[in-house]
PDB file of N, CA and C in Angstrom:
ATOM      1  N   MET A   1     -31.252  32.205 -13.924  1.00  0.00           N
ATOM      2  CA  MET A   1     -30.830  33.388 -13.205  1.00  0.00           C
ATOM      3  C   MET A   1     -32.068  34.072 -12.637  1.00  0.00           C
ATOM      4  N   ASP A   2     -32.013  34.471 -11.356  1.00  0.00           N
ATOM      5  CA  ASP A   2     -33.120  35.122 -10.680  1.00  0.00           C
ATOM      6  C   ASP A   2     -33.053  36.618 -10.945  1.00  0.00           C
ATOM      7  N   THR A   3     -34.117  37.179 -11.510  1.00  0.00           N
ATOM      8  CA  THR A   3     -34.144  38.607 -11.821  1.00  0.00           C
ATOM      9  C   THR A   3     -34.959  39.378 -10.801  1.00  0.00           C
ATOM     10  N   THR A   4     -35.352  38.739  -9.717  1.00  0.00           N
ATOM     11  CA  THR A   4     -36.140  39.402  -8.691  1.00  0.00           C
ATOM     12  C   THR A   4     -35.281  40.423  -7.973  1.00  0.00           C
ATOM     13  N   ASP A   5     -35.755  41.650  -7.906  1.00  0.00           N
ATOM     14  CA  ASP A   5     -35.053  42.718  -7.204  1.00  0.00           C
ATOM     15  C   ASP A   5     -35.557  42.743  -5.773  1.00  0.00           C
ATOM     16  N   ASN A   6     -34.682  42.519  -4.815  1.00  0.00           N
ATOM     17  CA  ASN A   6     -35.073  42.521  -3.415  1.00  0.00           C
ATOM     18  C   ASN A   6     -34.515  43.742  -2.700  1.00  0.00           C
ATOM     19  N   SER A   7     -34.590  44.895  -3.343  1.00  0.00           N
ATOM     20  CA  SER A   7     -34.128  46.114  -2.704  1.00  0.00           C
ATOM     21  C   SER A   7     -35.073  46.452  -1.562  1.00  0.00           C
ATOM     22  N   PRO A   8     -34.605  47.258  -0.589  1.00  0.00           N
ATOM     23  CA  PRO A   8     -35.464  47.620   0.536  1.00  0.00           C
ATOM     24  C   PRO A   8     -36.781  48.261   0.108  1.00  0.00           C
ATOM     25  N   GLU A   9     -36.743  49.048  -0.985  1.00  0.00           N
ATOM     26  CA  GLU A   9     -37.974  49.687  -1.454  1.00  0.00           C
ATOM     27  C   GLU A   9     -38.980  48.646  -1.921  1.00  0.00           C
ATOM     28  N   ASP A  10     -38.502  47.622  -2.645  1.00  0.00           N
ATOM     29  CA  ASP A  10     -39.395  46.577  -3.141  1.00  0.00           C
ATOM     30  C   ASP A  10     -39.958  45.754  -2.000  1.00  0.00           C
ATOM     31  N   ILE A  11     -39.126  45.432  -1.013  1.00  0.00           N
ATOM     32  CA  ILE A  11     -39.598  44.650   0.128  1.00  0.00           C
ATOM     33  C   ILE A  11     -40.625  45.457   0.907  1.00  0.00           C
ATOM     34  N   SER A  12     -40.350  46.740   1.107  1.00  0.00           N
ATOM     35  CA  SER A  12     -41.278  47.603   1.817  1.00  0.00           C
ATOM     36  C   SER A  12     -42.591  47.723   1.066  1.00  0.00           C
ATOM     37  N   SER A  13     -42.509  47.887  -0.244  1.00  0.00           N
ATOM     38  CA  SER A  13     -43.701  47.990  -1.073  1.00  0.00           C
ATOM     39  C   SER A  13     -44.518  46.708  -0.999  1.00  0.00           C
ATOM     40  N   ALA A  14     -43.839  45.568  -1.034  1.00  0.00           N
ATOM     41  CA  ALA A  14     -44.538  44.285  -0.935  1.00  0.00           C
ATOM     42  C   ALA A  14     -45.211  44.147   0.420  1.00  0.00           C
ATOM     43  N   ALA A  15     -44.571  44.623   1.461  1.00  0.00           N
ATOM     44  CA  ALA A  15     -45.157  44.549   2.797  1.00  0.00           C
ATOM     45  C   ALA A  15     -46.396  45.423   2.881  1.00  0.00           C
ATOM     46  N   VAL A  16     -46.370  46.602   2.276  1.00  0.00           N
ATOM     47  CA  VAL A  16     -47.521  47.486   2.286  1.00  0.00           C
ATOM     48  C   VAL A  16     -48.687  46.845   1.547  1.00  0.00           C
ATOM     49  N   ILE A  17     -48.406  46.250   0.398  1.00  0.00           N
ATOM     50  CA  ILE A  17     -49.457  45.575  -0.355  1.00  0.00           C
ATOM     51  C   ILE A  17     -50.028  44.435   0.465  1.00  0.00           C
ATOM     52  N   SER A  18     -49.180  43.690   1.114  1.00  0.00           N
ATOM     53  CA  SER A  18     -49.619  42.579   1.938  1.00  0.00           C
ATOM     54  C   SER A  18     -50.496  43.077   3.087  1.00  0.00           C
ATOM     55  N   VAL A  19     -50.095  44.149   3.748  1.00  0.00           N
ATOM     56  CA  VAL A  19     -50.873  44.709   4.845  1.00  0.00           C
ATOM     57  C   VAL A  19     -52.220  45.200   4.327  1.00  0.00           C
ATOM     58  N   THR A  20     -52.216  45.856   3.185  1.00  0.00           N
ATOM     59  CA  THR A  20     -53.455  46.338   2.591  1.00  0.00           C
ATOM     60  C   THR A  20     -54.386  45.179   2.272  1.00  0.00           C
ATOM     61  N   GLU A  21     -53.835  44.118   1.722  1.00  0.00           N
ATOM     62  CA  GLU A  21     -54.655  42.947   1.406  1.00  0.00           C
ATOM     63  C   GLU A  21     -55.216  42.316   2.678  1.00  0.00           C
ATOM     64  N   LEU A  22     -54.398  42.240   3.725  1.00  0.00           N
ATOM     65  CA  LEU A  22     -54.852  41.681   4.991  1.00  0.00           C
ATOM     66  C   LEU A  22     -55.965  42.534   5.598  1.00  0.00           C
ATOM     67  N   GLN A  23     -55.812  43.845   5.539  1.00  0.00           N
ATOM     68  CA  GLN A  23     -56.846  44.733   6.071  1.00  0.00           C
ATOM     69  C   GLN A  23     -58.152  44.565   5.303  1.00  0.00           C
ATOM     70  N   HIS A  24     -58.057  44.446   3.998  1.00  0.00           N
ATOM     71  CA  HIS A  24     -59.246  44.236   3.175  1.00  0.00           C
ATOM     72  C   HIS A  24     -59.913  42.909   3.540  1.00  0.00           C
ATOM     73  N   GLN A  25     -59.120  41.867   3.678  1.00  0.00           N
ATOM     74  CA  GLN A  25     -59.647  40.554   4.037  1.00  0.00           C
ATOM     75  C   GLN A  25     -60.318  40.605   5.413  1.00  0.00           C
ATOM     76  N   LEU A  26     -59.688  41.279   6.364  1.00  0.00           N
ATOM     77  CA  LEU A  26     -60.282  41.408   7.693  1.00  0.00           C
ATOM     78  C   LEU A  26     -61.601  42.169   7.645  1.00  0.00           C
ATOM     79  N   ASN A  27     -61.646  43.233   6.867  1.00  0.00           N
ATOM     80  CA  ASN A  27     -62.885  44.000   6.748  1.00  0.00           C
ATOM     81  C   ASN A  27     -64.014  43.149   6.192  1.00  0.00           C
ATOM     82  N   GLU A  28     -63.706  42.328   5.215  1.00  0.00           N
ATOM     83  CA  GLU A  28     -64.733  41.437   4.658  1.00  0.00           C
ATOM     84  C   GLU A  28     -65.208  40.427   5.697  1.00  0.00           C
ATOM     85  N   LEU A  29     -64.276  39.879   6.463  1.00  0.00           N
ATOM     86  CA  LEU A  29     -64.637  38.902   7.488  1.00  0.00           C
ATOM     87  C   LEU A  29     -65.421  39.540   8.631  1.00  0.00           C
ATOM     88  N   LEU A  30     -65.098  40.782   8.958  1.00  0.00           N
ATOM     89  CA  LEU A  30     -65.813  41.478  10.027  1.00  0.00           C
ATOM     90  C   LEU A  30     -67.305  41.584   9.737  1.00  0.00           C
ATOM     91  N   GLN A  31     -67.641  41.757   8.468  1.00  0.00           N
ATOM     92  CA  GLN A  31     -69.043  41.890   8.078  1.00  0.00           C
ATOM     93  C   GLN A  31     -69.845  40.618   8.371  1.00  0.00           C
ATOM     94  N   GLN A  32     -69.158  39.503   8.503  1.00  0.00           N
ATOM     95  CA  GLN A  32     -69.836  38.225   8.687  1.00  0.00           C
ATOM     96  C   GLN A  32     -69.940  37.799  10.153  1.00  0.00           C
ATOM     97  N   LEU A  33     -69.313  38.529  11.060  1.00  0.00           N
ATOM     98  CA  LEU A  33     -69.299  38.125  12.463  1.00  0.00           C
ATOM     99  C   LEU A  33     -70.512  38.646  13.231  1.00  0.00           C
ATOM    100  N   SER A  34     -70.946  37.862  14.195  1.00  0.00           N
ATOM    101  CA  SER A  34     -72.024  38.278  15.096  1.00  0.00           C
ATOM    102  C   SER A  34     -71.478  39.341  16.049  1.00  0.00           C
ATOM    103  N   PRO A  35     -72.340  40.132  16.664  1.00  0.00           N
ATOM    104  CA  PRO A  35     -71.867  41.140  17.621  1.00  0.00           C
ATOM    105  C   PRO A  35     -71.028  40.528  18.752  1.00  0.00           C
ATOM    106  N   GLU A  36     -71.409  39.339  19.203  1.00  0.00           N
ATOM    107  CA  GLU A  36     -70.651  38.688  20.276  1.00  0.00           C
ATOM    108  C   GLU A  36     -69.232  38.349  19.820  1.00  0.00           C
ATOM    109  N   ARG A  37     -69.118  37.818  18.605  1.00  0.00           N
ATOM    110  CA  ARG A  37     -67.791  37.476  18.071  1.00  0.00           C
ATOM    111  C   ARG A  37     -66.980  38.735  17.770  1.00  0.00           C
ATOM    112  N   LEU A  38     -67.653  39.817  17.361  1.00  0.00           N
ATOM    113  CA  LEU A  38     -66.948  41.080  17.143  1.00  0.00           C
ATOM    114  C   LEU A  38     -66.324  41.572  18.449  1.00  0.00           C
ATOM    115  N   GLN A  39     -67.054  41.408  19.558  1.00  0.00           N
ATOM    116  CA  GLN A  39     -66.529  41.822  20.855  1.00  0.00           C
ATOM    117  C   GLN A  39     -65.304  40.998  21.231  1.00  0.00           C
ATOM    118  N   VAL A  40     -65.370  39.687  20.977  1.00  0.00           N
ATOM    119  CA  VAL A  40     -64.225  38.813  21.251  1.00  0.00           C
ATOM    120  C   VAL A  40     -63.024  39.259  20.413  1.00  0.00           C
ATOM    121  N   LEU A  41     -63.264  39.549  19.152  1.00  0.00           N
ATOM    122  CA  LEU A  41     -62.192  39.986  18.262  1.00  0.00           C
ATOM    123  C   LEU A  41     -61.615  41.332  18.716  1.00  0.00           C
ATOM    124  N   ALA A  42     -62.479  42.256  19.127  1.00  0.00           N
ATOM    125  CA  ALA A  42     -62.019  43.561  19.607  1.00  0.00           C
ATOM    126  C   ALA A  42     -61.156  43.392  20.853  1.00  0.00           C
ATOM    127  N   ASP A  43     -61.569  42.505  21.752  1.00  0.00           N
ATOM    128  CA  ASP A  43     -60.785  42.250  22.959  1.00  0.00           C
ATOM    129  C   ASP A  43     -59.427  41.662  22.610  1.00  0.00           C
ATOM    130  N   PHE A  44     -59.417  40.730  21.655  1.00  0.00           N
ATOM    131  CA  PHE A  44     -58.157  40.101  21.257  1.00  0.00           C
ATOM    132  C   PHE A  44     -57.241  41.112  20.571  1.00  0.00           C
ATOM    133  N   ALA A  45     -57.808  41.950  19.719  1.00  0.00           N
ATOM    134  CA  ALA A  45     -57.007  42.976  19.038  1.00  0.00           C
ATOM    135  C   ALA A  45     -56.405  43.931  20.066  1.00  0.00           C
ATOM    136  N   SER A  46     -57.181  44.293  21.071  1.00  0.00           N
ATOM    137  CA  SER A  46     -56.678  45.161  22.136  1.00  0.00           C
ATOM    138  C   SER A  46     -55.526  44.493  22.878  1.00  0.00           C
ATOM    139  N   TYR A  47     -55.670  43.203  23.150  1.00  0.00           N
ATOM    140  CA  TYR A  47     -54.601  42.447  23.797  1.00  0.00           C
ATOM    141  C   TYR A  47     -53.326  42.470  22.951  1.00  0.00           C
ATOM    142  N   LEU A  48     -53.466  42.252  21.643  1.00  0.00           N
ATOM    143  CA  LEU A  48     -52.299  42.238  20.753  1.00  0.00           C
ATOM    144  C   LEU A  48     -51.606  43.599  20.721  1.00  0.00           C
ATOM    145  N   VAL A  49     -52.392  44.665  20.665  1.00  0.00           N
ATOM    146  CA  VAL A  49     -51.810  46.013  20.649  1.00  0.00           C
ATOM    147  C   VAL A  49     -51.055  46.270  21.950  1.00  0.00           C
ATOM    148  N   ASN A  50     -51.647  45.891  23.066  1.00  0.00           N
ATOM    149  CA  ASN A  50     -50.982  46.097  24.359  1.00  0.00           C
ATOM    150  C   ASN A  50     -49.712  45.253  24.464  1.00  0.00           C
ATOM    151  N   ALA A  51     -49.753  44.034  23.942  1.00  0.00           N
ATOM    152  CA  ALA A  51     -48.573  43.169  23.981  1.00  0.00           C
ATOM    153  C   ALA A  51     -47.439  43.765  23.150  1.00  0.00           C
ATOM    154  N   GLU A  52     -47.751  44.319  21.975  1.00  0.00           N
ATOM    155  CA  GLU A  52     -46.726  44.968  21.146  1.00  0.00           C
ATOM    156  C   GLU A  52     -46.136  46.171  21.859  1.00  0.00           C
ATOM    157  N   SER A  53     -47.004  46.963  22.463  1.00  0.00           N
ATOM    158  CA  SER A  53     -46.550  48.144  23.173  1.00  0.00           C
ATOM    159  C   SER A  53     -45.654  47.765  24.343  1.00  0.00           C
ATOM    160  N   GLU A  54     -46.038  46.734  25.082  1.00  0.00           N
ATOM    161  CA  GLU A  54     -45.241  46.281  26.215  1.00  0.00           C
ATOM    162  C   GLU A  54     -43.881  45.760  25.753  1.00  0.00           C
ATOM    163  N   ALA A  55     -43.866  45.033  24.653  1.00  0.00           N
ATOM    164  CA  ALA A  55     -42.598  44.517  24.121  1.00  0.00           C
ATOM    165  C   ALA A  55     -41.677  45.664  23.721  1.00  0.00           C
ATOM    166  N   ALA A  56     -42.238  46.697  23.100  1.00  0.00           N
ATOM    167  CA  ALA A  56     -41.433  47.855  22.699  1.00  0.00           C
ATOM    168  C   ALA A  56     -40.898  48.580  23.929  1.00  0.00           C
ATOM    169  N   THR A  57     -41.735  48.701  24.950  1.00  0.00           N
ATOM    170  CA  THR A  57     -41.300  49.351  26.188  1.00  0.00           C
ATOM    171  C   THR A  57     -40.162  48.578  26.831  1.00  0.00           C
ATOM    172  N   GLN A  58     -40.297  47.259  26.896  1.00  0.00           N
ATOM    173  CA  GLN A  58     -39.248  46.438  27.491  1.00  0.00           C
ATOM    174  C   GLN A  58     -37.948  46.533  26.691  1.00  0.00           C
ATOM    175  N   GLU A  59     -38.068  46.628  25.371  1.00  0.00           N
ATOM    176  CA  GLU A  59     -36.879  46.767  24.531  1.00  0.00           C
ATOM    177  C   GLU A  59     -36.161  48.075  24.843  1.00  0.00           C
ATOM    178  N   LEU A  60     -36.920  49.155  25.009  1.00  0.00           N
ATOM    179  CA  LEU A  60     -36.304  50.440  25.334  1.00  0.00           C
ATOM    180  C   LEU A  60     -35.690  50.421  26.728  1.00  0.00           C
ATOM    181  N   LEU A  61     -36.398  49.819  27.686  1.00  0.00           N
ATOM    182  CA  LEU A  61     -35.883  49.765  29.049  1.00  0.00           C
ATOM    183  C   LEU A  61     -34.626  48.911  29.164  1.00  0.00           C
ATOM    184  N   ALA A  62     -34.415  48.006  28.208  1.00  0.00           N
ATOM    185  CA  ALA A  62     -33.233  47.151  28.223  1.00  0.00           C
ATOM    186  C   ALA A  62     -31.976  47.885  27.769  1.00  0.00           C
ATOM    187  N   ILE A  63     -32.130  49.069  27.199  1.00  0.00           N
ATOM    188  CA  ILE A  63     -30.968  49.858  26.766  1.00  0.00           C
ATOM    189  C   ILE A  63     -30.329  50.469  28.007  1.00  0.00           C
ATOM    190  N   PRO A  64     -29.081  50.107  28.305  1.00  0.00           N
ATOM    191  CA  PRO A  64     -28.431  50.589  29.530  1.00  0.00           C
ATOM    192  C   PRO A  64     -28.362  52.113  29.573  1.00  0.00           C
ATOM    193  N   GLY A  65     -28.847  52.685  30.670  1.00  0.00           N
ATOM    194  CA  GLY A  65     -28.738  54.121  30.902  1.00  0.00           C
ATOM    195  C   GLY A  65     -29.729  54.984  30.162  1.00  0.00           C
ATOM    196  N   LEU A  66     -30.601  54.404  29.348  1.00  0.00           N
ATOM    197  CA  LEU A  66     -31.515  55.223  28.549  1.00  0.00           C
ATOM    198  C   LEU A  66     -32.460  56.030  29.428  1.00  0.00           C
ATOM    199  N   LEU A  67     -33.053  55.392  30.413  1.00  0.00           N
ATOM    200  CA  LEU A  67     -34.007  56.080  31.274  1.00  0.00           C
ATOM    201  C   LEU A  67     -33.348  57.255  31.997  1.00  0.00           C
ATOM    202  N   GLU A  68     -32.139  57.053  32.478  1.00  0.00           N
ATOM    203  CA  GLU A  68     -31.427  58.124  33.167  1.00  0.00           C
ATOM    204  C   GLU A  68     -31.121  59.286  32.224  1.00  0.00           C
ATOM    205  N   ARG A  69     -30.738  58.965  30.977  1.00  0.00           N
ATOM    206  CA  ARG A  69     -30.443  60.023  30.000  1.00  0.00           C
ATOM    207  C   ARG A  69     -31.700  60.812  29.656  1.00  0.00           C
ATOM    208  N   VAL A  70     -32.828  60.124  29.535  1.00  0.00           N
ATOM    209  CA  VAL A  70     -34.085  60.818  29.236  1.00  0.00           C
ATOM    210  C   VAL A  70     -34.472  61.716  30.407  1.00  0.00           C
ATOM    211  N   LYS A  71     -34.348  61.187  31.616  1.00  0.00           N
ATOM    212  CA  LYS A  71     -34.668  62.000  32.797  1.00  0.00           C
ATOM    213  C   LYS A  71     -33.753  63.211  32.873  1.00  0.00           C
ATOM    214  N   HIS A  72     -32.459  63.021  32.598  1.00  0.00           N
ATOM    215  CA  HIS A  72     -31.511  64.125  32.634  1.00  0.00           C
ATOM    216  C   HIS A  72     -31.857  65.168  31.572  1.00  0.00           C
ATOM    217  N   SER A  73     -32.205  64.723  30.382  1.00  0.00           N
ATOM    218  CA  SER A  73     -32.564  65.651  29.309  1.00  0.00           C
ATOM    219  C   SER A  73     -33.818  66.433  29.674  1.00  0.00           C
ATOM    220  N   SER A  74     -34.764  65.775  30.301  1.00  0.00           N
ATOM    221  CA  SER A  74     -35.998  66.447  30.704  1.00  0.00           C
ATOM    222  C   SER A  74     -35.730  67.460  31.795  1.00  0.00           C
ATOM    223  N   ALA A  75     -34.713  67.205  32.612  1.00  0.00           N
ATOM    224  CA  ALA A  75     -34.419  68.091  33.728  1.00  0.00           C
ATOM    225  C   ALA A  75     -33.521  69.261  33.332  1.00  0.00           C
ATOM    226  N   THR A  76     -32.976  69.251  32.119  1.00  0.00           N
ATOM    227  CA  THR A  76     -32.094  70.321  31.674  1.00  0.00           C
ATOM    228  C   THR A  76     -32.906  71.601  31.477  1.00  0.00           C
ATOM    229  N   PRO A  77     -32.506  72.685  32.146  1.00  0.00           N
ATOM    230  CA  PRO A  77     -33.244  73.944  31.983  1.00  0.00           C
ATOM    231  C   PRO A  77     -33.214  74.425  30.527  1.00  0.00           C
ATOM    232  N   LYS A  78     -34.291  75.005  30.099  1.00  0.00           N
ATOM    233  CA  LYS A  78     -34.397  75.488  28.718  1.00  0.00           C
ATOM    234  C   LYS A  78     -33.341  76.543  28.402  1.00  0.00           C
ATOM    235  N   THR A  79     -32.822  77.198  29.396  1.00  0.00           N
ATOM    236  CA  THR A  79     -31.802  78.223  29.153  1.00  0.00           C
ATOM    237  C   THR A  79     -30.493  77.611  28.655  1.00  0.00           C
ATOM    238  N   HIS A  80     -30.321  76.305  28.815  1.00  0.00           N
ATOM    239  CA  HIS A  80     -29.105  75.641  28.352  1.00  0.00           C
ATOM    240  C   HIS A  80     -29.210  75.198  26.894  1.00  0.00           C
ATOM    241  N   TYR A  81     -30.352  75.431  26.295  1.00  0.00           N
ATOM    242  CA  TYR A  81     -30.547  75.049  24.902  1.00  0.00           C
ATOM    243  C   TYR A  81     -30.263  76.236  24.002  1.00  0.00           C
ATOM    244  N   THR A  82     -29.856  75.941  22.759  1.00  0.00           N
ATOM    245  CA  THR A  82     -29.637  76.973  21.760  1.00  0.00           C
ATOM    246  C   THR A  82     -30.612  76.735  20.617  1.00  0.00           C
ATOM    247  N   ASN A  83     -31.252  77.797  20.180  1.00  0.00           N
ATOM    248  CA  ASN A  83     -32.175  77.701  19.066  1.00  0.00           C
ATOM    249  C   ASN A  83     -31.404  77.245  17.833  1.00  0.00           C
ATOM    250  N   TRP A  84     -31.873  76.200  17.204  1.00  0.00           N
ATOM    251  CA  TRP A  84     -31.163  75.632  16.059  1.00  0.00           C
ATOM    252  C   TRP A  84     -31.064  76.614  14.909  1.00  0.00           C
ATOM    253  N   ARG A  85     -31.990  77.547  14.812  1.00  0.00           N
ATOM    254  CA  ARG A  85     -31.949  78.521  13.711  1.00  0.00           C
ATOM    255  C   ARG A  85     -30.782  79.490  13.850  1.00  0.00           C
ATOM    256  N   THR A  86     -30.315  79.696  15.074  1.00  0.00           N
ATOM    257  CA  THR A  86     -29.215  80.646  15.289  1.00  0.00           C
ATOM    258  C   THR A  86     -27.848  79.987  15.215  1.00  0.00           C
ATOM    259  N   LEU A  87     -27.790  78.669  15.121  1.00  0.00           N
ATOM    260  CA  LEU A  87     -26.509  77.985  15.088  1.00  0.00           C
ATOM    261  C   LEU A  87     -25.759  78.239  13.796  1.00  0.00           C
ATOM    262  N   ARG A  88     -26.478  78.114  12.662  1.00  0.00           N
ATOM    263  CA  ARG A  88     -25.851  78.335  11.364  1.00  0.00           C
ATOM    264  C   ARG A  88     -26.854  79.061  10.475  1.00  0.00           C
ATOM    265  N   SER A  89     -26.494  80.211  10.069  1.00  0.00           N
ATOM    266  CA  SER A  89     -27.398  80.960   9.208  1.00  0.00           C
ATOM    267  C   SER A  89     -27.109  80.742   7.735  1.00  0.00           C
ATOM    268  N   ASP A  90     -26.021  80.032   7.429  1.00  0.00           N
ATOM    269  CA  ASP A  90     -25.631  79.843   6.021  1.00  0.00           C
ATOM    270  C   ASP A  90     -26.200  78.562   5.416  1.00  0.00           C
ATOM    271  N   VAL A  91     -27.032  77.874   6.145  1.00  0.00           N
ATOM    272  CA  VAL A  91     -27.619  76.627   5.595  1.00  0.00           C
ATOM    273  C   VAL A  91     -29.114  76.734   5.455  1.00  0.00           C
TER     274      VAL A  91
END
C-alpha cells in the first residue's frame, strides 16, 4: 500500500524544494564559468524569460473578448465605481 500523500500542499512544497535545489546548483555552477560563458548564459536566460512572457501573453490574447473587456473597463469613468467600503458596513 502506498502511503505517499500527494495533496496539493505536498506537491507545491516538493516543487519549492526542487526549485531551491536547482537555484543552489546553478549558483555553484555560475562560480565556475568564464565571463564569456556567463554572458552566453545571461543571454540564454533572457531569451527564456522573454519566451515565457510571450507564451503567457499569447494565452491571454487567445481568450475571446478579453482585450475588449479590459479596454472597456479602463474606459469606464471612475464616477461609475462604488467604494467597496461603503457597500457593506456589517462585514
